N, C-alpha and C. Protein backbone atom coordinates (compact mmCIF):
# COMPACT_ATOMS: atom_id res chain seq x y z
N MET A 1 1.22 -0.74 -0.11
CA MET A 1 0.29 0.09 -0.08
C MET A 1 0.89 1.44 -0.10
N ASN A 2 0.66 2.75 -0.18
CA ASN A 2 1.50 4.01 -0.33
C ASN A 2 0.99 4.03 0.69
N ILE A 3 2.60 4.75 1.21
CA ILE A 3 2.99 5.24 2.91
C ILE A 3 2.00 5.95 2.87
N GLU A 4 1.78 7.09 1.39
CA GLU A 4 1.20 8.06 2.42
C GLU A 4 -0.25 7.74 2.40
N ILE A 5 -1.21 6.62 1.39
CA ILE A 5 -2.33 6.89 2.62
C ILE A 5 -2.69 5.62 4.14
N GLU A 6 -1.74 4.29 3.91
CA GLU A 6 -1.70 4.03 5.55
C GLU A 6 -1.88 5.49 6.31
N LYS A 7 -0.33 5.98 5.94
CA LYS A 7 -0.36 7.32 7.12
C LYS A 7 -1.63 7.99 7.01
N GLU A 8 -2.47 8.33 5.98
CA GLU A 8 -4.44 9.27 6.05
C GLU A 8 -4.66 7.53 7.34
N ILE A 9 -4.39 7.11 6.54
CA ILE A 9 -5.76 5.56 7.09
C ILE A 9 -5.53 5.88 8.72
N PHE A 10 -4.51 5.77 9.21
CA PHE A 10 -3.59 5.47 11.28
C PHE A 10 -4.32 6.76 11.05
N SER A 11 -3.98 8.10 9.79
CA SER A 11 -4.58 9.34 11.43
C SER A 11 -5.68 9.85 10.83
N TYR A 12 -6.82 8.82 10.27
CA TYR A 12 -7.88 9.13 10.32
C TYR A 12 -8.54 8.64 11.65
N LEU A 13 -8.03 7.08 12.03
CA LEU A 13 -8.36 6.71 12.77
C LEU A 13 -8.26 7.00 14.16
N LYS A 14 -7.09 7.73 14.58
CA LYS A 14 -7.46 8.39 15.30
C LYS A 14 -7.57 9.74 16.13
N ALA A 15 -8.49 10.49 15.05
CA ALA A 15 -9.33 11.40 14.44
C ALA A 15 -10.07 11.22 15.27
N ILE A 16 -11.35 9.41 14.97
CA ILE A 16 -12.41 9.25 14.95
C ILE A 16 -12.34 9.35 16.76
N ARG A 17 -11.70 8.65 17.01
CA ARG A 17 -11.72 8.75 18.09
C ARG A 17 -11.52 9.49 19.50
N LYS A 18 -10.52 10.05 18.56
CA LYS A 18 -10.33 11.99 19.11
C LYS A 18 -12.10 12.80 19.49
N LYS A 19 -12.51 12.32 18.70
CA LYS A 19 -13.83 13.35 17.96
C LYS A 19 -14.81 12.28 19.00
N GLU A 20 -15.07 11.22 18.75
CA GLU A 20 -15.30 10.07 19.97
C GLU A 20 -15.17 10.57 21.82
N LYS A 21 -13.85 11.61 22.14
CA LYS A 21 -13.85 11.97 22.70
C LYS A 21 -13.68 10.32 24.09
N LEU A 22 -13.20 9.80 23.29
CA LEU A 22 -12.00 8.82 24.15
C LEU A 22 -10.47 8.56 24.40
N THR A 23 -9.72 8.40 25.44
CA THR A 23 -8.76 7.77 25.09
C THR A 23 -8.31 6.81 24.33
N GLN A 24 -7.07 6.06 24.34
CA GLN A 24 -6.52 5.31 24.27
C GLN A 24 -6.72 4.10 24.80
N GLU A 25 -6.97 4.69 26.89
CA GLU A 25 -7.60 3.15 27.49
C GLU A 25 -8.83 3.40 27.72
N GLN A 26 -9.76 4.83 27.92
CA GLN A 26 -11.16 3.89 27.99
C GLN A 26 -11.86 3.38 26.93
N LEU A 27 -10.20 3.34 25.93
CA LEU A 27 -10.70 2.54 24.21
C LEU A 27 -10.56 1.51 24.06
N ALA A 28 -9.52 1.01 24.99
CA ALA A 28 -9.46 -0.17 25.41
C ALA A 28 -10.12 -1.30 26.02
N LYS A 29 -10.47 -0.60 26.64
CA LYS A 29 -11.30 -1.12 27.88
C LYS A 29 -13.03 -1.32 27.23
N LYS A 30 -13.45 -0.41 25.77
CA LYS A 30 -14.77 -0.63 25.64
C LYS A 30 -13.95 -1.58 23.91
N SER A 31 -12.67 -1.79 23.66
CA SER A 31 -13.22 -2.69 22.44
C SER A 31 -12.97 -4.42 23.17
N GLY A 32 -11.79 -3.93 24.20
CA GLY A 32 -10.85 -5.60 24.50
C GLY A 32 -9.09 -5.71 24.30
N LEU A 33 -8.95 -4.41 23.31
CA LEU A 33 -8.21 -3.96 22.99
C LEU A 33 -6.85 -3.71 24.12
N LYS A 34 -5.73 -3.76 24.00
CA LYS A 34 -4.87 -3.60 24.53
C LYS A 34 -4.43 -2.04 24.71
N GLN A 35 -4.26 -1.19 25.47
CA GLN A 35 -3.81 0.25 24.99
C GLN A 35 -2.61 0.39 24.09
N SER A 36 -1.54 -0.69 24.34
CA SER A 36 -0.83 -1.29 23.69
C SER A 36 -0.58 -1.06 21.82
N ALA A 37 -1.64 -1.58 21.52
CA ALA A 37 -2.52 -2.24 20.62
C ALA A 37 -3.20 -1.17 20.05
N ILE A 38 -3.86 -0.35 20.57
CA ILE A 38 -4.32 0.92 20.06
C ILE A 38 -2.97 2.12 20.28
N ALA A 39 -2.51 2.14 20.75
CA ALA A 39 -1.75 2.91 19.71
C ALA A 39 0.09 2.60 18.47
N ARG A 40 -0.23 1.50 18.81
CA ARG A 40 0.66 0.47 17.52
C ARG A 40 -0.31 1.30 16.09
N LEU A 41 -1.46 0.81 16.07
CA LEU A 41 -2.30 1.28 14.83
C LEU A 41 -2.44 2.39 14.66
N GLU A 42 -2.36 3.17 15.52
CA GLU A 42 -2.79 4.58 15.35
C GLU A 42 -2.34 5.56 14.87
N LYS A 43 -0.37 4.87 15.23
CA LYS A 43 1.45 5.35 14.83
C LYS A 43 0.74 4.68 12.82
N GLY A 44 0.43 3.23 13.00
CA GLY A 44 0.81 2.19 12.16
C GLY A 44 2.16 1.43 11.51
N THR A 45 2.90 1.21 13.37
CA THR A 45 3.97 1.09 13.36
C THR A 45 3.83 -0.83 12.92
N ASN A 46 2.78 -1.52 12.92
CA ASN A 46 2.46 -2.79 12.66
C ASN A 46 1.20 -2.84 12.01
N ASP A 47 1.64 -3.92 11.03
CA ASP A 47 0.80 -4.43 9.65
C ASP A 47 -0.68 -4.49 11.38
N ILE A 48 -1.60 -4.27 10.78
CA ILE A 48 -2.68 -5.27 11.60
C ILE A 48 -3.54 -5.50 10.75
N GLN A 49 -3.89 -6.92 11.55
CA GLN A 49 -5.57 -7.19 11.31
C GLN A 49 -7.23 -7.40 11.12
N LEU A 50 -7.57 -7.97 10.34
CA LEU A 50 -9.27 -6.84 9.55
C LEU A 50 -9.78 -7.03 11.15
N SER A 51 -9.96 -8.41 12.34
CA SER A 51 -10.53 -7.99 13.62
C SER A 51 -10.39 -7.75 14.05
N THR A 52 -8.39 -6.88 14.25
CA THR A 52 -8.31 -5.71 14.98
C THR A 52 -9.25 -4.66 15.10
N LEU A 53 -9.18 -3.93 13.75
CA LEU A 53 -9.28 -2.97 13.48
C LEU A 53 -11.17 -3.00 13.24
N MET A 54 -11.92 -4.04 12.85
CA MET A 54 -12.73 -3.99 13.83
C MET A 54 -13.13 -3.60 14.81
N SER A 55 -12.18 -3.40 15.77
CA SER A 55 -12.24 -4.26 17.37
C SER A 55 -12.33 -2.37 17.91
N TYR A 56 -10.96 -2.01 17.21
CA TYR A 56 -11.39 -0.66 17.46
C TYR A 56 -12.61 0.15 16.73
N LEU A 57 -12.56 -0.01 16.05
CA LEU A 57 -13.80 1.19 15.33
C LEU A 57 -15.05 0.80 15.58
N LYS A 58 -15.63 -0.76 15.62
CA LYS A 58 -16.82 -1.42 16.19
C LYS A 58 -17.49 -0.65 17.63
N PRO A 59 -16.91 0.11 19.15
CA PRO A 59 -17.68 0.68 20.58
C PRO A 59 -17.56 1.67 20.02
N MET A 60 -16.90 3.02 18.98
CA MET A 60 -17.37 4.29 18.28
C MET A 60 -18.19 4.18 17.20
N GLY A 61 -19.21 2.97 17.52
CA GLY A 61 -20.04 3.23 15.59
C GLY A 61 -20.25 3.17 14.90
N TYR A 62 -18.83 3.30 14.31
CA TYR A 62 -18.25 2.99 13.13
C TYR A 62 -17.41 1.30 12.73
N LYS A 63 -17.99 1.30 11.23
CA LYS A 63 -17.89 0.44 10.63
C LYS A 63 -16.17 0.46 8.74
N LEU A 64 -16.34 -0.94 8.85
CA LEU A 64 -15.65 -0.67 7.84
C LEU A 64 -16.37 -0.66 6.60
N GLN A 65 -16.04 -0.15 5.65
CA GLN A 65 -17.68 -0.71 4.72
C GLN A 65 -15.84 -0.27 3.28
N ILE A 66 -16.29 -0.81 1.94
CA ILE A 66 -15.42 -1.00 1.06
C ILE A 66 -16.26 -0.11 0.07
N ILE A 67 -15.87 0.52 -0.96
CA ILE A 67 -16.53 1.07 -2.48
C ILE A 67 -16.13 1.07 -2.78
N LYS A 68 -16.95 0.96 -4.42
CA LYS A 68 -15.99 1.32 -5.84
C LYS A 68 -16.41 2.40 -6.01
N GLU A 69 -15.52 2.42 -6.60
CA GLU A 69 -15.26 4.49 -6.50
C GLU A 69 -15.73 4.74 -8.29
């Protein structure tokens, strides 16, 4: 994947969490993920599994969709 697109995605995920007024720790408790996993996801330091991304989004009322342009 293009590195710029990856940065944009991870930045957007962090923006969603902040919009929902959640700390990483609060989201960790709601999602069942570790706070350190959320930090790595938002920084884009690791490849993430689809299930992790879905666990991150679900407690905030978001879901992943693929839309054809």
